[in-house]
């Protein structure tokens, strides 16, 4: 990542859970010219099938070989002096550095494009929200294919001089993570609320967490029950924060004041935040819900995306009338603390993932039995929300457990695991509004 940034190349992290069609769409949408893929899992099978359908110039495998791919370990060599091929090239602060794919309201993910100033925005994320220390060890639980890794595994933490702890695993196990925190004397720990809900079920008394100084959580709302339980078990509050793939931390329970339960905290002073009502006017009254927006009328702050790459329409929609619109709503109390309310659109947040219902519906409709469907999020004690697919079958098909299994297996072959519907319901027809649109708030 650092080498790519220094060279002026645009890095695009990707989750290991992607399937062939995910790769094909990403390669074409972002005009990707090179792929570096681990050969230690079947993700390279998916990538290899995708590259046969796309124009990719350079293919590199890591941790193993693959026909048609260059092996990183075999070809990697480091001369004592590295010379740029074009010494006249200079990296400017407004040059694109990093792009993330993030779910939105459209059928496919949007491409969040950040400039070379992006890491500087995360200095505040690490130092004043996560509370990292120069001689500490920070552990963010996040797969490196997502923006959350940029929040917690590289940029802000290294700028602050802290040690970053990284642990790869195939399957999450609460006791394993807790043992690592104890063994390696982790000082600051960050994870989605789902992880802390799983910690609740463990016997914390058998661990020594004396090294831990601060806990943080973002990506999904944190409930009071979990907050109270973790504080009792760990002796530490969970400091909630809010931000996006498009931003660093925007609102947080920062190190310079006492954490307030149920609240996301207060605005990051590096941003001029405002809550806008439906008419686009700033809300000044407590307890009135509005959309979280950033005033960009005078300057474009460090850490905020430059654009949605290749999508002028989405960019214009987000940067409107002198504000960047997050699409998330909140209200503040009479002390200025903010509380999350929900999304303006219908993006589902599950276990820290942002999931587009439209993207899943597009895949579901490829199954031969499905006439129409809609996807929604339903409350779940552990994950916050889980994915539900409500399905109308074509003539000739009847509801059955075998058909549910067939649809589930089909989705597993076509989509990443975090997108799989965990609940499938067959209905005669979908609930609709007077204008004929599906009522997405129906359960």
Protein backbone atom coordinates (compact mmCIF):
# COMPACT_ATOMS: atom_id res chain seq x y z
CA UNK A 1 0.00 0.00 0.00
CA UNK A 2 2.71 2.46 0.98
CA UNK A 3 4.73 1.66 -2.16
CA UNK A 4 1.71 2.23 -4.39
CA UNK A 5 0.94 5.52 -2.69
CA UNK A 6 4.56 6.66 -3.05
CA UNK A 7 4.60 5.72 -6.74
CA UNK A 8 1.42 7.67 -7.42
CA UNK A 9 -0.49 4.52 -8.35
CA UNK A 10 -4.12 4.23 -7.21
CA UNK A 11 -4.59 1.40 -4.71
CA UNK A 12 -7.96 -0.36 -4.55
CA UNK A 13 -8.31 -2.71 -1.55
CA UNK A 14 -10.69 -5.65 -2.08
CA UNK A 15 -12.25 -8.19 0.22
CA UNK A 16 -11.24 -11.82 -0.14
CA UNK A 17 -14.95 -12.69 -0.28
CA UNK A 18 -15.50 -11.37 -3.82
CA UNK A 19 -16.92 -13.64 -6.50
CA UNK A 20 -16.28 -13.64 -10.26
CA UNK A 21 -19.05 -11.19 -11.15
CA UNK A 22 -17.87 -8.84 -8.36
CA UNK A 23 -14.39 -8.80 -9.89
CA UNK A 24 -15.68 -8.29 -13.43
CA UNK A 25 -17.78 -5.31 -12.43
CA UNK A 26 -15.01 -3.71 -10.36
CA UNK A 27 -12.35 -4.21 -13.04
CA UNK A 28 -14.50 -2.61 -15.71
CA UNK A 29 -15.95 0.17 -13.54
CA UNK A 30 -12.58 1.35 -12.21
CA UNK A 31 -10.61 0.53 -15.38
CA UNK A 32 -8.27 -1.64 -13.33
CA UNK A 33 -4.99 -2.55 -15.05
CA UNK A 34 -3.30 -4.72 -12.42
CA UNK A 35 -4.42 -7.25 -9.81
CA UNK A 36 -2.48 -8.61 -6.84
CA UNK A 37 -4.33 -11.62 -5.42
CA UNK A 38 -3.54 -14.14 -2.70
CA UNK A 39 -3.24 -17.72 -3.93
CA UNK A 40 -3.77 -19.12 -0.44
CA UNK A 41 -7.55 -19.27 -0.88
CA UNK A 42 -10.08 -19.82 -3.65
CA UNK A 43 -10.43 -16.08 -4.23
CA UNK A 44 -7.78 -16.44 -6.94
CA UNK A 45 -10.10 -18.89 -8.76
CA UNK A 46 -12.76 -16.20 -8.88
CA UNK A 47 -10.25 -13.54 -9.95
CA UNK A 48 -8.78 -15.81 -12.62
CA UNK A 49 -12.19 -16.43 -14.20
CA UNK A 50 -12.93 -12.72 -14.12
CA UNK A 51 -9.67 -11.65 -15.78
CA UNK A 52 -10.50 -13.85 -18.79
CA UNK A 53 -13.46 -11.54 -19.44
CA UNK A 54 -11.60 -8.28 -18.83
CA UNK A 55 -8.61 -6.29 -20.05
CA UNK A 56 -6.03 -6.53 -17.24
CA UNK A 57 -2.36 -5.88 -18.07
CA UNK A 58 -0.62 -7.28 -14.99
CA UNK A 59 -1.54 -10.29 -12.84
CA UNK A 60 0.44 -11.05 -9.68
CA UNK A 61 -0.15 -13.93 -7.27
CA UNK A 62 1.02 -13.83 -3.66
CA UNK A 63 1.57 -16.84 -1.36
CA UNK A 64 1.46 -19.29 -4.25
CA UNK A 65 1.65 -19.72 -8.00
CA UNK A 66 -0.99 -19.70 -10.71
CA UNK A 67 -0.79 -20.29 -14.45
CA UNK A 68 -0.89 -17.01 -16.31
CA UNK A 69 0.05 -15.03 -13.18
CA UNK A 70 3.45 -13.71 -12.11
CA UNK A 71 4.55 -15.00 -8.72
CA UNK A 72 5.35 -12.14 -6.36
CA UNK A 73 7.89 -14.07 -4.29
CA UNK A 74 9.74 -15.20 -7.42
CA UNK A 75 9.98 -11.85 -9.15
CA UNK A 76 10.23 -9.48 -6.19
CA UNK A 77 13.69 -7.97 -5.92
CA UNK A 78 14.89 -4.83 -4.21
CA UNK A 79 17.87 -2.93 -5.64
CA UNK A 80 20.01 -0.80 -3.35
CA UNK A 81 18.91 2.29 -5.28
CA UNK A 82 15.41 2.75 -6.64
CA UNK A 83 15.06 5.16 -9.53
CA UNK A 84 11.77 6.38 -10.91
CA UNK A 85 11.26 5.74 -14.62
CA UNK A 86 9.96 9.27 -14.99
CA UNK A 87 11.78 11.58 -12.61
CA UNK A 88 9.73 14.55 -13.73
CA UNK A 89 6.57 13.11 -12.18
CA UNK A 90 5.50 14.72 -8.94
CA UNK A 91 2.75 13.55 -6.63
CA UNK A 92 0.36 16.39 -5.82
CA UNK A 93 -2.02 16.57 -2.89
CA UNK A 94 -5.08 16.46 -5.17
CA UNK A 95 -3.89 13.36 -7.06
CA UNK A 96 -5.99 10.25 -6.53
CA UNK A 97 -4.34 7.82 -4.12
CA UNK A 98 -6.93 5.29 -2.98
CA UNK A 99 -10.35 4.02 -4.04
CA UNK A 100 -12.90 2.01 -2.07
CA UNK A 101 -15.99 0.23 -3.36
CA UNK A 102 -18.91 0.93 -1.05
CA UNK A 103 -22.56 -0.10 -1.21
CA UNK A 104 -25.09 2.60 -2.03
CA UNK A 105 -28.65 2.78 -3.29
CA UNK A 106 -27.75 1.66 -6.81
CA UNK A 107 -27.47 -1.97 -7.89
CA UNK A 108 -23.68 -1.88 -7.76
CA UNK A 109 -21.19 -0.32 -5.33
CA UNK A 110 -20.03 3.25 -5.74
CA UNK A 111 -16.33 3.98 -6.12
CA UNK A 112 -15.12 6.31 -3.37
CA UNK A 113 -12.03 8.13 -4.66
CA UNK A 114 -9.61 9.69 -2.14
CA UNK A 115 -6.64 11.95 -2.76
CA UNK A 116 -3.15 11.98 -1.25
CA UNK A 117 -4.52 14.03 1.69
CA UNK A 118 -6.68 11.14 2.89
CA UNK A 119 -4.14 9.76 5.44
CA UNK A 120 -3.86 13.18 7.12
CA UNK A 121 -7.59 13.14 7.88
CA UNK A 122 -7.13 9.93 9.85
CA UNK A 123 -4.57 11.44 12.25
CA UNK A 124 -7.55 12.69 14.29
CA UNK A 125 -9.28 9.29 13.98
CA UNK A 126 -6.33 7.51 15.58
CA UNK A 127 -5.09 10.03 18.14
CA UNK A 128 -8.27 11.58 19.50
CA UNK A 129 -10.92 8.89 18.94
CA UNK A 130 -9.08 5.58 19.19
CA UNK A 131 -6.62 7.13 21.65
CA UNK A 132 -3.54 5.38 20.29
CA UNK A 133 -0.21 5.98 22.04
CA UNK A 134 3.35 6.13 20.73
CA UNK A 135 4.44 3.12 22.78
CA UNK A 136 1.11 1.34 22.60
CA UNK A 137 -0.22 -1.53 20.46
CA UNK A 138 -3.40 -0.88 18.50
CA UNK A 139 -5.71 -3.66 17.25
CA UNK A 140 -8.54 -2.88 14.83
CA UNK A 141 -10.64 -5.89 13.90
CA UNK A 142 -11.34 -5.35 10.19
CA UNK A 143 -10.58 -7.14 6.95
CA UNK A 144 -8.04 -5.18 4.93
CA UNK A 145 -10.34 -5.02 1.91
CA UNK A 146 -12.56 -2.43 3.57
CA UNK A 147 -12.25 1.25 4.48
CA UNK A 148 -12.36 0.30 8.17
CA UNK A 149 -8.82 -1.03 7.72
CA UNK A 150 -7.81 2.44 6.49
CA UNK A 151 -9.39 3.80 9.66
CA UNK A 152 -7.56 1.45 12.00
CA UNK A 153 -4.66 -0.47 10.46
CA UNK A 154 -2.34 1.90 8.70
CA UNK A 155 -2.66 5.64 8.09
CA UNK A 156 -3.56 7.45 11.31
CA UNK A 157 -1.91 4.88 13.54
CA UNK A 158 1.47 5.13 11.78
CA UNK A 159 1.25 8.93 11.72
CA UNK A 160 0.87 8.76 15.50
CA UNK A 161 3.80 6.35 15.84
CA UNK A 162 1.89 3.49 17.45
CA UNK A 163 2.44 -0.22 16.77
CA UNK A 164 -0.29 -1.81 14.64
CA UNK A 165 -1.33 -5.36 15.56
CA UNK A 166 -2.69 -7.45 12.65
CA UNK A 167 -4.23 -10.90 12.93
CA UNK A 168 -5.70 -12.87 10.01
CA UNK A 169 -8.31 -15.53 10.59
CA UNK A 170 -10.77 -17.57 8.54
CA UNK A 171 -13.50 -17.68 11.15
CA UNK A 172 -14.13 -15.30 14.04
CA UNK A 173 -13.85 -16.80 17.52
CA UNK A 174 -14.44 -14.55 20.52
CA UNK A 175 -12.17 -16.47 22.90
CA UNK A 176 -9.34 -16.42 20.35
CA UNK A 177 -9.47 -12.63 19.99
CA UNK A 178 -9.69 -12.12 23.75
CA UNK A 179 -6.66 -14.36 24.26
CA UNK A 180 -4.68 -12.28 21.74
CA UNK A 181 -5.57 -9.04 23.55
CA UNK A 182 -4.25 -10.53 26.78
CA UNK A 183 -1.16 -12.26 25.32
CA UNK A 184 0.14 -9.32 23.28
CA UNK A 185 -0.91 -6.65 25.79
CA UNK A 186 -3.06 -4.67 23.37
CA UNK A 187 -3.58 -1.11 24.61
CA UNK A 188 -6.31 0.16 22.25
CA UNK A 189 -8.94 -1.99 20.52
CA UNK A 190 -11.53 -1.11 17.86
CA UNK A 191 -14.29 -3.34 16.46
CA UNK A 192 -17.91 -3.24 15.24
CA UNK A 193 -20.66 -3.49 17.85
CA UNK A 194 -21.33 -7.07 16.69
CA UNK A 195 -17.95 -8.15 18.09
CA UNK A 196 -18.65 -6.63 21.49
CA UNK A 197 -22.03 -8.38 21.56
CA UNK A 198 -20.18 -11.66 21.04
CA UNK A 199 -17.73 -10.75 23.83
CA UNK A 200 -20.72 -10.43 26.17
CA UNK A 201 -21.21 -14.19 26.01
CA UNK A 202 -17.64 -14.97 27.14
CA UNK A 203 -16.29 -15.44 30.64
CA UNK A 204 -14.12 -12.33 30.88
CA UNK A 205 -12.89 -13.17 34.39
CA UNK A 206 -10.34 -15.69 33.06
CA UNK A 207 -8.44 -13.00 31.11
CA UNK A 208 -6.09 -10.23 32.23
CA UNK A 209 -6.90 -7.04 30.36
CA UNK A 210 -4.81 -4.67 32.46
CA UNK A 211 -3.02 -3.43 29.32
CA UNK A 212 -6.24 -2.20 27.69
CA UNK A 213 -6.79 1.54 27.96
CA UNK A 214 -9.47 2.31 25.39
CA UNK A 215 -12.24 0.58 23.40
CA UNK A 216 -13.85 2.09 20.29
CA UNK A 217 -16.64 1.00 17.95
CA UNK A 218 -18.08 2.21 14.64
CA UNK A 219 -19.87 0.89 11.56
CA UNK A 220 -23.18 0.10 13.24
CA UNK A 221 -25.19 1.49 16.17
CA UNK A 222 -24.18 0.36 19.66
CA UNK A 223 -27.02 -0.65 22.01
CA UNK A 224 -27.21 0.27 25.71
CA UNK A 225 -27.25 -3.36 26.87
CA UNK A 226 -23.92 -4.10 25.21
CA UNK A 227 -22.41 -0.80 26.39
CA UNK A 228 -23.32 -1.55 30.03
CA UNK A 229 -22.26 -5.20 29.87
CA UNK A 230 -18.82 -4.46 28.38
CA UNK A 231 -18.21 -1.63 30.85
CA UNK A 232 -18.99 -4.01 33.70
CA UNK A 233 -16.81 -6.82 32.32
CA UNK A 234 -13.83 -4.78 31.03
CA UNK A 235 -14.04 -1.74 33.28
CA UNK A 236 -13.93 0.43 30.14
CA UNK A 237 -16.56 2.30 28.15
CA UNK A 238 -16.99 1.64 24.44
CA UNK A 239 -16.37 4.95 22.71
CA UNK A 240 -18.70 5.06 19.74
CA UNK A 241 -17.85 6.98 16.59
CA UNK A 242 -19.38 7.78 13.22
CA UNK A 243 -17.90 8.12 9.75
CA UNK A 244 -17.93 6.55 6.32
CA UNK A 245 -15.73 5.09 3.60
CA UNK A 246 -15.91 8.62 2.23
CA UNK A 247 -14.51 10.23 5.40
CA UNK A 248 -12.40 9.82 8.53
CA UNK A 249 -14.21 9.96 11.88
CA UNK A 250 -16.82 12.75 11.73
CA UNK A 251 -18.46 12.37 15.13
CA UNK A 252 -16.99 10.60 18.12
CA UNK A 253 -16.57 10.17 21.84
CA UNK A 254 -13.08 11.62 21.91
CA UNK A 255 -10.32 11.25 24.50
CA UNK A 256 -10.71 14.77 25.89
CA UNK A 257 -14.18 14.27 27.45
CA UNK A 258 -16.15 11.58 29.24
CA UNK A 259 -18.00 9.06 27.07
CA UNK A 260 -21.76 9.52 26.87
CA UNK A 261 -23.75 6.29 26.63
CA UNK A 262 -25.94 5.84 23.51
CA UNK A 263 -24.33 8.87 21.86
CA UNK A 264 -21.99 8.93 18.85
CA UNK A 265 -20.27 11.86 20.56
CA UNK A 266 -19.58 15.35 19.23
CA UNK A 267 -18.34 16.58 15.82
CA UNK A 268 -14.69 16.30 14.80
CA UNK A 269 -13.39 19.90 15.00
CA UNK A 270 -11.59 19.45 11.66
CA UNK A 271 -14.99 19.47 9.93
CA UNK A 272 -17.79 22.02 9.95
CA UNK A 273 -20.73 19.69 10.47
CA UNK A 274 -24.38 20.63 10.10
CA UNK A 275 -27.72 18.85 10.33
CA UNK A 276 -29.90 19.80 7.37
CA UNK A 277 -33.66 19.38 7.23
CA UNK A 278 -35.60 18.27 4.15
CA UNK A 279 -35.53 21.82 2.79
CA UNK A 280 -31.75 22.02 3.13
CA UNK A 281 -31.83 24.41 6.10
CA UNK A 282 -29.50 24.06 9.10
CA UNK A 283 -31.11 22.68 12.26
CA UNK A 284 -30.23 24.61 15.39
CA UNK A 285 -32.79 23.10 17.78
CA UNK A 286 -31.95 20.05 19.94
CA UNK A 287 -33.73 16.72 19.32
CA UNK A 288 -34.73 17.57 15.73
CA UNK A 289 -33.63 14.96 13.17
CA UNK A 290 -31.64 16.02 10.12
CA UNK A 291 -29.10 14.70 7.63
CA UNK A 292 -25.44 14.82 8.72
CA UNK A 293 -23.64 17.10 6.25
CA UNK A 294 -20.22 18.77 5.93
CA UNK A 295 -19.92 22.43 4.93
CA UNK A 296 -17.52 22.56 1.96
CA UNK A 297 -18.44 26.04 0.72
CA UNK A 298 -15.04 27.51 1.65
CA UNK A 299 -12.69 24.52 1.54
CA UNK A 300 -12.52 20.79 0.85
CA UNK A 301 -11.28 19.28 4.14
CA UNK A 302 -8.52 16.64 4.30
CA UNK A 303 -9.90 13.11 4.47
CA UNK A 304 -13.12 13.78 2.54
CA UNK A 305 -13.49 11.94 -0.77
CA UNK A 306 -12.79 13.85 -3.96
CA UNK A 307 -15.51 12.18 -6.03
CA UNK A 308 -17.37 9.01 -6.86
CA UNK A 309 -15.07 7.82 -9.60
CA UNK A 310 -16.69 7.65 -13.02
CA UNK A 311 -20.08 8.75 -11.69
CA UNK A 312 -20.79 12.45 -12.12
CA UNK A 313 -24.45 12.00 -11.14
CA UNK A 314 -23.68 10.44 -7.74
CA UNK A 315 -20.90 12.98 -7.13
CA UNK A 316 -23.25 15.88 -7.85
CA UNK A 317 -25.89 14.35 -5.59
CA UNK A 318 -23.42 14.05 -2.71
CA UNK A 319 -21.84 17.50 -3.17
CA UNK A 320 -24.90 19.72 -3.28
CA UNK A 321 -25.38 23.41 -2.45
CA UNK A 322 -22.06 23.78 -0.64
CA UNK A 323 -22.42 20.64 1.48
CA UNK A 324 -21.31 17.03 1.35
CA UNK A 325 -24.34 14.87 2.18
CA UNK A 326 -23.61 11.67 4.14
CA UNK A 327 -27.05 10.10 3.69
CA UNK A 328 -27.15 9.39 7.45
CA UNK A 329 -29.48 11.14 9.87
CA UNK A 330 -29.05 12.12 13.51
CA UNK A 331 -30.11 14.60 16.17
CA UNK A 332 -28.23 16.32 19.00
CA UNK A 333 -29.26 16.90 22.60
CA UNK A 334 -29.09 20.13 24.59
CA UNK A 335 -25.45 19.35 25.46
CA UNK A 336 -24.41 19.04 21.82
CA UNK A 337 -24.02 15.24 21.80
CA UNK A 338 -25.19 13.49 18.63
CA UNK A 339 -27.38 10.38 18.35
CA UNK A 340 -27.69 8.21 15.26
CA UNK A 341 -31.15 7.87 13.74
CA UNK A 342 -30.85 6.01 10.43
CA UNK A 343 -30.22 6.17 6.70
CA UNK A 344 -31.91 8.53 4.24
CA UNK A 345 -31.77 5.68 1.72
CA UNK A 346 -32.29 1.95 2.28
CA UNK A 347 -28.70 0.77 2.72
CA UNK A 348 -28.55 -2.04 5.29
CA UNK A 349 -25.86 -2.09 7.98
CA UNK A 350 -25.08 -5.61 9.17
CA UNK A 351 -22.08 -6.58 11.33
CA UNK A 352 -20.33 -3.42 10.18
CA UNK A 353 -20.95 -4.06 6.47
CA UNK A 354 -22.88 -1.63 4.27
CA UNK A 355 -25.12 -3.68 2.00
CA UNK A 356 -27.16 -2.53 -0.99
CA UNK A 357 -30.54 -4.31 -1.22
CA UNK A 358 -30.61 -3.60 -4.95
CA UNK A 359 -27.31 -5.39 -5.53
CA UNK A 360 -28.59 -8.55 -3.82
CA UNK A 361 -31.94 -8.35 -5.63
CA UNK A 362 -30.12 -8.15 -8.97
CA UNK A 363 -28.44 -11.49 -8.23
CA UNK A 364 -31.55 -13.14 -6.77
CA UNK A 365 -33.51 -12.41 -9.94
CA UNK A 366 -31.07 -14.59 -11.88
CA UNK A 367 -32.43 -17.66 -10.08
CA UNK A 368 -34.90 -19.46 -12.41
CA UNK A 369 -37.65 -19.72 -9.78
CA UNK A 370 -37.86 -16.04 -8.79
CA UNK A 371 -40.39 -13.72 -10.44
CA UNK A 372 -39.71 -10.68 -8.24
CA UNK A 373 -38.23 -9.98 -4.83
CA UNK A 374 -37.09 -7.36 -2.40
CA UNK A 375 -34.36 -7.41 0.22
CA UNK A 376 -34.57 -5.77 3.62
CA UNK A 377 -32.77 -5.72 6.95
CA UNK A 378 -34.43 -7.16 10.05
CA UNK A 379 -33.22 -6.70 13.64
CA UNK A 380 -30.79 -9.27 15.01
CA UNK A 381 -29.42 -9.50 18.55
CA UNK A 382 -25.85 -10.17 17.43
CA UNK A 383 -25.40 -8.60 13.99
CA UNK A 384 -27.63 -5.57 14.48
CA UNK A 385 -29.48 -6.47 11.28
CA UNK A 386 -29.54 -9.53 9.05
CA UNK A 387 -30.56 -9.82 5.40
CA UNK A 388 -34.07 -11.00 4.54
CA UNK A 389 -35.25 -11.84 1.02
CA UNK A 390 -38.99 -11.68 0.36
CA UNK A 391 -39.73 -13.60 -2.83
CA UNK A 392 -42.59 -14.05 -5.30
CA UNK A 393 -42.15 -17.26 -7.29
CA UNK A 394 -42.75 -17.80 -10.99
CA UNK A 395 -45.62 -20.02 -12.14
CA UNK A 396 -44.73 -23.66 -11.81
CA UNK A 397 -42.73 -23.24 -8.60
CA UNK A 398 -44.03 -23.88 -5.09
CA UNK A 399 -42.60 -22.75 -1.73
CA UNK A 400 -40.53 -25.42 0.01
CA UNK A 401 -37.49 -25.88 2.22
CA UNK A 402 -35.68 -27.49 -0.69
CA UNK A 403 -36.27 -24.38 -2.81
CA UNK A 404 -34.98 -22.16 0.01
CA UNK A 405 -31.86 -24.31 0.10
CA UNK A 406 -31.50 -24.04 -3.69
CA UNK A 407 -31.72 -20.25 -3.55
CA UNK A 408 -29.24 -20.12 -0.66
CA UNK A 409 -26.74 -22.30 -2.52
CA UNK A 410 -27.20 -20.16 -5.63
CA UNK A 411 -26.46 -16.98 -3.69
CA UNK A 412 -23.38 -18.55 -2.10
CA UNK A 413 -22.03 -19.26 -5.57
CA UNK A 414 -22.70 -15.72 -6.80
CA UNK A 415 -22.12 -13.32 -3.93
CA UNK A 416 -19.79 -12.65 -1.01
CA UNK A 417 -20.87 -14.34 2.27
CA UNK A 418 -21.84 -11.10 4.02
CA UNK A 419 -24.52 -10.54 1.34
CA UNK A 420 -26.29 -13.90 1.78
CA UNK A 421 -29.96 -13.66 2.87
CA UNK A 422 -30.26 -15.42 6.22
CA UNK A 423 -34.05 -15.34 6.04
CA UNK A 424 -36.04 -16.30 2.94
CA UNK A 425 -39.79 -15.80 2.86
CA UNK A 426 -42.15 -16.72 0.00
CA UNK A 427 -45.21 -14.52 -0.54
CA UNK A 428 -48.02 -14.25 -3.10
CA UNK A 429 -47.25 -10.59 -3.83
CA UNK A 430 -45.04 -7.77 -2.60
CA UNK A 431 -46.44 -4.86 -0.54
CA UNK A 432 -46.55 -1.72 -2.66
CA UNK A 433 -47.24 2.00 -2.35
CA UNK A 434 -50.04 3.75 -4.25
CA UNK A 435 -47.54 4.56 -7.00
CA UNK A 436 -46.65 0.88 -7.37
CA UNK A 437 -43.26 0.96 -5.67
CA UNK A 438 -42.30 -1.80 -3.24
CA UNK A 439 -42.59 -0.76 0.41
CA UNK A 440 -39.04 -1.38 1.55
CA UNK A 441 -39.82 -0.74 5.21
CA UNK A 442 -42.04 -3.82 5.25
CA UNK A 443 -40.62 -6.71 7.27
